Amino acid sequence: GIEKIGIHDDFFELGGHSLIVGQVINRINQQLGKTVSFKTFFSNATVEKITAQLKDNNYLPIQKSPQALSYPLTASQNRLWILSQLEGGSLAYNMPAAVKLKGNLDIDKFEESFKRLINRHEILRTYFKINNEGEVRQYILPENDLKFKIVQEDYSLAENQEDAVRNHLYERNRETFDLENAPLLRASLLKIREEEYVFFLSLHHIIGDGWTIELIIAEIVKTYNALKKDNAAALPALKIQYKDYALWFNEELQLEKYKASETYWLNQFSGQIPVLDLPSFKTRPLVQTYNGDAVKHTFGKEFSEKLKSFSQEHDLTLFMTLMSGINALLHRYTGQDDIVVGTPIAGREHPDLENQLGLFLNTLAIRTQIKEKVTFLDLITNQKENLLEAYDHQNYPFDLLVSQLNLKRDSSRSALFDVLV
């Protein structure tokens, strides 16, 4: 909603955050053949200052891979495959989303929109199985070979409608996916009253992430609106597919910049790795169960404004302040001064990946060491430095780091950290 941006306007004061920083760096690389590190961007958050820091970095598009019967997995996909073989593991990685649709919905055209989406993106026609050599590979069904139907239910006359709809969504999301059979996504269209529906989508994490779900919903809506007007949907061209990224990324990991990132992360976790020991009234189960619940709290506008003001005053993003607060709280609860907290990151560093569906998400394990008698201002300074360095090495897969660290397996915990922000 900002009409004009001057060369002296601060990116973060205008509402920018770390996710958008990645997109800006991608566009700079694609359009100018230049780049800048996350750390440098944060320290020089105006057009004038960033321009002075740009370095040459030729944009090289990801190449299409040769046609084959099957393709390799990424490190993240491979880890999800393994975790999904454990009891309750597959269900734990179902990713649900629900949106309300209002208006005179043409259900045939809505289904056609979904069909076109699946034909356009190979990852939605992908399944996984072990080949004769004992390697897990991804296989892609040809276009139009996939029989996909949106489940339709009418709850417009149902008693206790809200409970009935909630139960439907709960039960649908509790259905496990068989990774050896595509599609690894489901959809429901629930009528709740005249010209009002709930659209529910669930997919397995091995074929997508949060960004993927947003893209799916956006593409379906755009395609549906175009079909209603007998127009072609104005969607960005897909020069590559997920399999091409998988092959490219596995090769990229052998390059020097990834080796530098590997060294950075291994140094971060040298020595004894801490295990967070939160006080509890219950005994931790011997095997992680994936059971859980959600508690929600909404902070008031006044508190939010104070946080924003504090963050701007100390040249921080809101997320940096949040991470500092959580580490301070965990330190207070446990008395531990060495804490590891995970945080997800988009993992779409290459410009060609912005409009791609698939699992690109990476996780950063942020290790914070809190010195004795440290002040909160000291903590936020350390936290900011930690995060900026991690962002500069965000391309190194968390799953590869876990395997390189050769951690002792503890079936009652997640690898490296138990708290995700």
Protein backbone atom coordinates (compact mmCIF):
# COMPACT_ATOMS: atom_id res chain seq x y z
CA GLY A 1 0.00 0.00 0.00
CA ILE A 2 3.03 2.31 -0.14
CA GLU A 3 2.93 4.54 -3.22
CA LYS A 4 6.48 5.89 -3.22
CA ILE A 5 9.68 4.54 -1.70
CA GLY A 6 12.70 6.80 -1.52
CA ILE A 7 16.34 5.74 -1.60
CA HIS A 8 16.71 6.78 2.06
CA ASP A 9 13.61 4.94 3.36
CA ASP A 10 14.40 2.06 5.73
CA PHE A 11 13.23 -1.35 4.52
CA PHE A 12 12.25 -2.57 8.00
CA GLU A 13 10.51 0.64 9.03
CA LEU A 14 8.36 0.21 5.89
CA GLY A 15 7.24 -3.21 7.20
CA GLY A 16 9.88 -5.49 5.65
CA HIS A 17 10.90 -8.74 7.35
CA SER A 18 13.36 -11.61 6.81
CA LEU A 19 11.06 -13.55 4.43
CA ILE A 20 10.79 -10.56 2.11
CA VAL A 21 14.54 -9.94 2.38
CA GLY A 22 15.08 -13.29 0.65
CA GLN A 23 12.73 -12.30 -2.18
CA VAL A 24 14.44 -8.91 -2.62
CA ILE A 25 17.88 -10.55 -2.79
CA ASN A 26 16.50 -13.03 -5.36
CA ARG A 27 15.15 -10.21 -7.56
CA ILE A 28 18.43 -8.29 -7.33
CA ASN A 29 20.30 -11.41 -8.44
CA GLN A 30 17.90 -12.23 -11.29
CA GLN A 31 17.55 -8.72 -12.69
CA LEU A 32 20.94 -7.13 -11.94
CA GLY A 33 23.35 -10.08 -11.68
CA LYS A 34 24.35 -8.81 -8.23
CA THR A 35 23.88 -10.03 -4.67
CA VAL A 36 24.24 -9.03 -1.04
CA SER A 37 24.35 -11.16 2.11
CA PHE A 38 21.52 -11.19 4.65
CA LYS A 39 23.84 -9.74 7.29
CA THR A 40 24.88 -6.86 5.03
CA PHE A 41 21.26 -6.22 3.99
CA PHE A 42 20.13 -5.89 7.62
CA SER A 43 22.94 -3.42 8.35
CA ASN A 44 22.26 -1.36 5.19
CA ALA A 45 18.48 -1.39 4.85
CA THR A 46 18.01 1.51 2.40
CA VAL A 47 18.29 1.52 -1.39
CA GLU A 48 21.23 3.90 -1.24
CA LYS A 49 23.20 1.82 1.27
CA ILE A 50 22.40 -1.57 -0.31
CA THR A 51 23.49 -0.31 -3.75
CA ALA A 52 26.93 0.49 -2.35
CA GLN A 53 27.25 -3.07 -0.96
CA LEU A 54 26.23 -5.09 -4.05
CA LYS A 55 28.66 -7.68 -5.38
CA ASP A 56 28.73 -9.45 -8.74
CA ASN A 57 26.89 -12.78 -8.77
CA ASN A 58 25.76 -13.96 -12.18
CA TYR A 59 22.24 -15.36 -12.22
CA LEU A 60 22.34 -18.98 -13.40
CA PRO A 61 18.94 -20.60 -14.02
CA ILE A 62 18.25 -24.09 -12.72
CA GLN A 63 18.44 -26.50 -15.65
CA LYS A 64 15.80 -29.07 -16.57
CA SER A 65 16.88 -32.60 -15.75
CA PRO A 66 17.00 -35.41 -18.32
CA GLN A 67 13.86 -37.52 -18.51
CA ALA A 68 14.10 -40.61 -16.28
CA LEU A 69 11.95 -43.30 -14.69
CA SER A 70 12.61 -41.89 -11.21
CA TYR A 71 14.50 -39.09 -9.48
CA PRO A 72 16.46 -38.62 -6.22
CA LEU A 73 15.00 -37.10 -3.07
CA THR A 74 16.33 -34.01 -1.34
CA ALA A 75 17.78 -34.41 2.16
CA SER A 76 14.58 -32.97 3.66
CA GLN A 77 12.36 -35.37 1.72
CA ASN A 78 14.55 -38.31 2.69
CA ARG A 79 14.28 -37.46 6.39
CA LEU A 80 10.49 -37.12 6.12
CA TRP A 81 10.31 -40.48 4.39
CA ILE A 82 12.22 -42.08 7.29
CA LEU A 83 10.14 -40.33 9.98
CA SER A 84 6.93 -41.32 8.20
CA GLN A 85 7.86 -44.99 8.57
CA LEU A 86 7.71 -44.67 12.38
CA GLU A 87 4.48 -45.25 14.28
CA GLY A 88 2.36 -42.10 14.05
CA GLY A 89 5.08 -40.44 11.97
CA SER A 90 3.19 -40.16 8.69
CA LEU A 91 0.12 -38.59 10.33
CA ALA A 92 2.33 -36.05 12.13
CA TYR A 93 3.32 -34.56 8.76
CA ASN A 94 -0.16 -33.93 7.36
CA MET A 95 -0.46 -30.24 6.50
CA PRO A 96 -4.04 -28.90 6.65
CA ALA A 97 -5.50 -25.60 5.46
CA ALA A 98 -9.06 -24.31 5.28
CA VAL A 99 -10.50 -21.18 3.66
CA LYS A 100 -14.02 -19.81 3.33
CA LEU A 101 -15.39 -19.23 -0.17
CA LYS A 102 -18.35 -16.92 -0.73
CA GLY A 103 -20.43 -16.44 -3.88
CA ASN A 104 -22.21 -18.47 -6.52
CA LEU A 105 -19.67 -21.29 -6.85
CA ASP A 106 -19.54 -23.28 -10.08
CA ILE A 107 -18.38 -26.62 -8.65
CA ASP A 108 -17.49 -28.14 -12.04
CA LYS A 109 -15.20 -25.22 -12.84
CA PHE A 110 -13.73 -25.37 -9.34
CA GLU A 111 -12.85 -29.05 -9.86
CA GLU A 112 -11.43 -28.22 -13.29
CA SER A 113 -9.21 -25.60 -11.63
CA PHE A 114 -7.85 -28.28 -9.31
CA LYS A 115 -7.29 -30.68 -12.20
CA ARG A 116 -5.29 -28.05 -14.09
CA LEU A 117 -3.24 -27.33 -10.96
CA ILE A 118 -2.30 -31.02 -10.64
CA ASN A 119 -1.39 -31.25 -14.33
CA ARG A 120 0.72 -28.09 -14.09
CA HIS A 121 2.79 -29.18 -11.06
CA GLU A 122 4.50 -32.58 -11.21
CA ILE A 123 5.09 -32.67 -7.45
CA LEU A 124 1.31 -33.10 -6.97
CA ARG A 125 1.52 -36.28 -9.09
CA THR A 126 4.58 -37.63 -7.28
CA TYR A 127 4.87 -40.74 -5.12
CA PHE A 128 7.81 -42.36 -3.34
CA LYS A 129 9.06 -45.93 -3.14
CA ILE A 130 12.23 -47.96 -2.72
CA ASN A 131 13.81 -49.17 -5.97
CA ASN A 132 15.61 -52.48 -6.57
CA GLU A 133 18.88 -50.98 -5.31
CA GLY A 134 17.29 -50.12 -1.94
CA GLU A 135 17.20 -46.36 -2.61
CA VAL A 136 14.08 -44.26 -1.99
CA ARG A 137 13.19 -42.46 -5.24
CA GLN A 138 10.41 -40.16 -6.40
CA TYR A 139 8.23 -41.19 -9.32
CA ILE A 140 5.89 -38.95 -11.33
CA LEU A 141 2.57 -39.98 -12.83
CA PRO A 142 1.86 -38.62 -16.35
CA GLU A 143 -0.65 -35.79 -16.76
CA ASN A 144 -4.30 -36.88 -16.64
CA ASP A 145 -3.33 -40.31 -15.18
CA LEU A 146 -4.26 -39.20 -11.70
CA LYS A 147 -7.87 -39.76 -10.63
CA PHE A 148 -8.59 -36.93 -8.23
CA LYS A 149 -11.97 -35.93 -6.82
CA ILE A 150 -12.89 -33.20 -4.39
CA VAL A 151 -15.08 -34.61 -1.61
CA GLN A 152 -18.33 -32.64 -1.43
CA GLU A 153 -20.55 -32.45 1.66
CA ASP A 154 -23.62 -30.35 2.41
CA TYR A 155 -23.82 -29.13 6.01
CA SER A 156 -26.21 -26.27 5.31
CA LEU A 157 -29.08 -28.00 7.15
CA ALA A 158 -27.00 -29.86 9.73
CA GLU A 159 -27.73 -29.52 13.44
CA ASN A 160 -24.75 -28.22 15.41
CA GLN A 161 -23.26 -27.21 12.09
CA GLU A 162 -20.02 -25.81 13.50
CA ASP A 163 -19.27 -29.05 15.36
CA ALA A 164 -20.19 -31.16 12.32
CA VAL A 165 -17.84 -29.20 10.05
CA ARG A 166 -15.06 -29.25 12.64
CA ASN A 167 -15.41 -33.03 13.03
CA HIS A 168 -15.26 -33.53 9.26
CA LEU A 169 -12.04 -31.51 9.02
CA TYR A 170 -10.55 -33.30 12.02
CA GLU A 171 -11.31 -36.76 10.64
CA ARG A 172 -10.09 -35.90 7.13
CA ASN A 173 -6.81 -34.62 8.49
CA ARG A 174 -6.36 -37.78 10.59
CA GLU A 175 -6.28 -39.97 7.47
CA THR A 176 -2.72 -41.09 6.79
CA PHE A 177 -1.17 -40.83 3.34
CA ASP A 178 0.42 -43.83 1.68
CA LEU A 179 3.62 -42.31 0.29
CA GLU A 180 3.79 -45.02 -2.37
CA ASN A 181 0.51 -43.90 -3.94
CA ALA A 182 -0.22 -40.50 -5.46
CA PRO A 183 -1.87 -38.12 -4.89
CA LEU A 184 -0.46 -37.10 -1.54
CA LEU A 185 -3.13 -34.45 -1.12
CA ARG A 186 -6.88 -34.35 -0.42
CA ALA A 187 -9.55 -31.70 -0.78
CA SER A 188 -13.07 -31.19 0.56
CA LEU A 189 -15.72 -28.65 -0.33
CA LEU A 190 -18.26 -28.21 2.46
CA LYS A 191 -21.43 -26.21 1.87
CA ILE A 192 -22.43 -24.39 5.05
CA ARG A 193 -25.13 -22.12 3.64
CA GLU A 194 -26.32 -20.76 0.33
CA GLU A 195 -23.33 -19.29 -1.55
CA GLU A 196 -20.91 -20.04 1.29
CA TYR A 197 -18.45 -22.95 1.48
CA VAL A 198 -15.44 -24.16 3.43
CA PHE A 199 -12.62 -25.40 1.19
CA PHE A 200 -10.33 -27.83 3.01
CA LEU A 201 -6.95 -28.99 1.76
CA SER A 202 -4.54 -31.49 3.29
CA LEU A 203 -1.20 -32.61 1.87
CA HIS A 204 1.79 -34.55 3.10
CA HIS A 205 4.78 -32.42 4.03
CA ILE A 206 7.05 -34.46 1.72
CA ILE A 207 5.46 -32.71 -1.31
CA GLY A 208 4.99 -29.22 0.10
CA ASP A 209 5.37 -26.57 2.77
CA GLY A 210 3.43 -23.54 4.02
CA TRP A 211 4.45 -21.47 0.99
CA THR A 212 3.22 -24.32 -1.24
CA ILE A 213 -0.25 -24.24 0.36
CA GLU A 214 -0.52 -20.49 -0.20
CA LEU A 215 0.49 -20.93 -3.85
CA ILE A 216 -2.03 -23.77 -4.35
CA ILE A 217 -4.93 -21.70 -3.01
CA ALA A 218 -3.87 -18.62 -4.99
CA GLU A 219 -3.53 -20.61 -8.25
CA ILE A 220 -6.88 -22.35 -7.81
CA VAL A 221 -8.67 -19.04 -7.21
CA LYS A 222 -6.93 -17.37 -10.15
CA THR A 223 -7.64 -20.28 -12.51
CA TYR A 224 -11.27 -20.55 -11.37
CA ASN A 225 -11.91 -16.84 -11.90
CA ALA A 226 -10.37 -17.09 -15.39
CA LEU A 227 -12.52 -20.13 -16.27
CA LYS A 228 -15.65 -18.28 -15.16
CA LYS A 229 -14.81 -15.57 -17.70
CA ASP A 230 -13.69 -18.06 -20.39
CA ASN A 231 -10.18 -16.61 -20.20
CA ALA A 232 -6.75 -18.21 -19.84
CA ALA A 233 -5.35 -17.93 -16.31
CA ALA A 234 -2.41 -15.50 -16.12
CA LEU A 235 -0.03 -17.79 -14.22
CA PRO A 236 3.76 -17.46 -14.25
CA ALA A 237 5.49 -19.89 -16.61
CA LEU A 238 7.12 -22.90 -14.96
CA LYS A 239 10.54 -23.37 -16.52
CA ILE A 240 11.40 -26.21 -14.14
CA GLN A 241 9.67 -28.72 -11.85
CA TYR A 242 10.53 -29.98 -8.36
CA LYS A 243 12.54 -32.95 -9.67
CA ASP A 244 14.83 -30.50 -11.49
CA TYR A 245 15.40 -28.63 -8.24
CA ALA A 246 16.16 -31.90 -6.40
CA LEU A 247 18.88 -32.85 -8.89
CA TRP A 248 20.29 -29.30 -9.00
CA PHE A 249 20.34 -28.91 -5.21
CA ASN A 250 22.03 -32.26 -4.59
CA GLU A 251 24.79 -31.17 -7.00
CA GLU A 252 25.00 -27.68 -5.44
CA LEU A 253 25.79 -29.21 -2.05
CA GLN A 254 29.19 -30.21 -3.42
CA LEU A 255 30.15 -26.58 -4.20
CA GLU A 256 32.50 -24.49 -2.09
CA LYS A 257 29.83 -22.13 -0.70
CA TYR A 258 27.92 -25.08 0.74
CA LYS A 259 31.10 -26.49 2.22
CA ALA A 260 31.63 -23.13 3.95
CA SER A 261 28.09 -23.34 5.33
CA GLU A 262 28.71 -26.91 6.50
CA THR A 263 31.81 -25.73 8.37
CA TYR A 264 29.83 -22.87 9.97
CA TRP A 265 27.09 -25.20 11.29
CA LEU A 266 29.50 -27.88 12.49
CA ASN A 267 31.40 -25.18 14.41
CA GLN A 268 28.12 -23.98 15.92
CA PHE A 269 27.52 -27.44 17.33
CA SER A 270 31.05 -28.38 18.33
CA GLY A 271 31.52 -29.68 21.86
CA GLN A 272 28.71 -31.06 24.00
CA ILE A 273 25.30 -30.30 22.51
CA PRO A 274 22.76 -29.15 25.12
CA VAL A 275 19.43 -30.88 25.71
CA LEU A 276 16.63 -28.64 26.96
CA ASP A 277 15.28 -29.94 30.25
CA LEU A 278 12.00 -28.16 30.89
CA PRO A 279 10.38 -28.84 34.28
CA SER A 280 7.38 -31.14 34.04
CA PHE A 281 4.85 -32.93 36.22
CA LYS A 282 4.86 -35.94 33.89
CA THR A 283 7.48 -38.46 32.84
CA ARG A 284 8.70 -38.11 29.28
CA PRO A 285 7.59 -41.15 27.21
CA LEU A 286 10.35 -43.42 25.96
CA VAL A 287 9.17 -42.91 22.37
CA GLN A 288 7.91 -39.59 20.99
CA THR A 289 4.14 -39.87 20.53
CA TYR A 290 3.31 -36.72 18.47
CA ASN A 291 0.38 -36.16 20.86
CA GLY A 292 -0.26 -32.54 21.71
CA ASP A 293 -2.65 -29.66 22.03
CA ALA A 294 -2.78 -25.97 21.18
CA VAL A 295 -3.11 -22.97 23.47
CA LYS A 296 -3.76 -19.63 21.80
CA HIS A 297 -3.27 -16.14 23.20
CA THR A 298 -3.68 -12.81 21.46
CA PHE A 299 -1.65 -9.89 22.77
CA GLY A 300 -3.25 -6.46 22.75
CA LYS A 301 -2.47 -3.69 20.28
CA GLU A 302 -0.71 -1.59 22.93
CA PHE A 303 1.71 -4.40 23.77
CA SER A 304 2.32 -5.03 20.06
CA GLU A 305 3.13 -1.36 19.47
CA LYS A 306 5.56 -1.39 22.40
CA LEU A 307 7.32 -4.42 20.90
CA LYS A 308 7.59 -2.73 17.50
CA SER A 309 8.90 0.46 19.07
CA PHE A 310 11.48 -1.47 21.15
CA SER A 311 12.61 -3.41 18.09
CA GLN A 312 13.03 -0.30 15.94
CA GLU A 313 14.87 1.50 18.73
CA HIS A 314 17.44 -1.31 18.93
CA ASP A 315 17.64 -1.98 15.17
CA LEU A 316 15.96 -5.38 15.43
CA THR A 317 13.18 -7.17 13.59
CA LEU A 318 10.19 -8.28 15.65
CA PHE A 319 11.33 -11.87 15.21
CA MET A 320 14.74 -11.12 16.73
CA THR A 321 13.02 -9.62 19.77
CA LEU A 322 10.69 -12.63 19.99
CA MET A 323 13.58 -15.12 19.83
CA SER A 324 15.45 -13.19 22.54
CA GLY A 325 12.38 -13.21 24.78
CA ILE A 326 11.81 -16.95 24.32
CA ASN A 327 15.45 -17.76 25.06
CA ALA A 328 15.29 -15.60 28.19
CA LEU A 329 12.13 -17.44 29.27
CA LEU A 330 13.63 -20.88 28.63
CA HIS A 331 16.74 -19.83 30.57
CA ARG A 332 14.51 -18.75 33.46
CA TYR A 333 12.53 -22.02 33.44
CA THR A 334 15.49 -24.39 33.13
CA GLY A 335 18.48 -22.53 34.57
CA GLN A 336 20.40 -23.63 31.47
CA ASP A 337 22.75 -21.16 29.78
CA ASP A 338 23.20 -23.07 26.51
CA ILE A 339 19.94 -23.38 24.56
CA VAL A 340 19.04 -24.56 21.05
CA VAL A 341 15.80 -23.38 19.43
CA GLY A 342 14.67 -24.23 15.90
CA THR A 343 13.10 -21.84 13.42
CA PRO A 344 11.78 -22.59 9.92
CA ILE A 345 12.93 -20.63 6.89
CA ALA A 346 11.53 -20.56 3.35
CA GLY A 347 14.58 -22.18 1.69
CA ARG A 348 13.83 -20.58 -1.69
CA GLU A 349 17.09 -18.73 -2.15
CA HIS A 350 17.20 -19.23 -5.91
CA PRO A 351 14.99 -16.84 -7.98
CA ASP A 352 13.55 -19.78 -9.98
CA LEU A 353 11.86 -21.23 -6.89
CA GLU A 354 9.40 -18.50 -5.89
CA ASN A 355 6.44 -19.97 -7.82
CA GLN A 356 7.32 -23.64 -7.36
CA LEU A 357 5.32 -26.12 -5.31
CA GLY A 358 7.28 -28.56 -3.20
CA LEU A 359 9.27 -29.00 -0.01
CA PHE A 360 11.84 -26.19 0.06
CA LEU A 361 11.46 -25.31 3.73
CA ASN A 362 14.61 -25.57 5.79
CA THR A 363 15.05 -25.41 9.56
CA LEU A 364 17.74 -23.39 11.30
CA ALA A 365 18.95 -24.62 14.69
CA ILE A 366 19.88 -21.45 16.60
CA ARG A 367 22.25 -22.05 19.52
CA THR A 368 22.27 -19.27 22.11
CA GLN A 369 24.76 -19.17 24.97
CA ILE A 370 23.67 -16.91 27.81
CA LYS A 371 26.54 -15.62 29.92
CA GLU A 372 26.25 -15.10 33.66
CA LYS A 373 24.62 -11.80 34.73
CA VAL A 374 23.89 -10.90 31.10
CA THR A 375 21.33 -8.12 30.54
CA PHE A 376 18.45 -8.44 28.09
CA LEU A 377 20.09 -5.81 25.87
CA ASP A 378 23.24 -7.96 25.77
CA LEU A 379 21.09 -10.97 24.89
CA ILE A 380 19.34 -9.24 21.97
CA THR A 381 22.68 -8.08 20.55
CA ASN A 382 23.97 -11.66 20.66
CA GLN A 383 20.68 -13.00 19.26
CA LYS A 384 20.73 -10.59 16.32
CA GLU A 385 24.30 -11.58 15.43
CA ASN A 386 23.43 -15.28 15.74
CA LEU A 387 20.38 -15.01 13.48
CA LEU A 388 22.10 -12.92 10.80
CA GLU A 389 24.99 -15.37 10.56
CA ALA A 390 22.51 -18.28 10.38
CA TYR A 391 20.57 -16.54 7.59
CA ASP A 392 23.80 -16.24 5.60
CA HIS A 393 24.18 -20.04 5.86
CA GLN A 394 20.50 -20.94 5.56
CA ASN A 395 21.10 -22.97 2.39
CA TYR A 396 22.65 -25.91 4.26
CA PRO A 397 19.99 -28.58 4.92
CA PHE A 398 19.14 -29.18 8.56
CA ASP A 399 18.72 -32.88 7.82
CA LEU A 400 22.26 -33.07 6.47
CA LEU A 401 23.56 -31.29 9.56
CA VAL A 402 21.85 -33.85 11.82
CA SER A 403 23.45 -36.72 9.92
CA GLN A 404 26.89 -35.04 9.95
CA LEU A 405 26.74 -34.48 13.72
CA ASN A 406 26.14 -38.21 14.20
CA LEU A 407 23.91 -37.56 17.21
CA LYS A 408 23.08 -40.29 19.66
CA ARG A 409 19.49 -41.30 18.85
CA ASP A 410 16.96 -40.36 21.55
CA SER A 411 13.55 -41.69 20.48
CA SER A 412 11.81 -39.51 23.09
CA ARG A 413 12.98 -36.24 21.50
CA SER A 414 13.34 -34.45 18.20
CA ALA A 415 16.87 -34.09 16.81
CA LEU A 416 18.86 -31.09 18.14
CA PHE A 417 15.95 -29.11 19.63
CA ASP A 418 12.48 -29.55 21.13
CA VAL A 419 11.26 -25.94 20.80
CA LEU A 420 10.40 -24.45 17.40
CA VAL A 421 9.64 -20.74 16.93
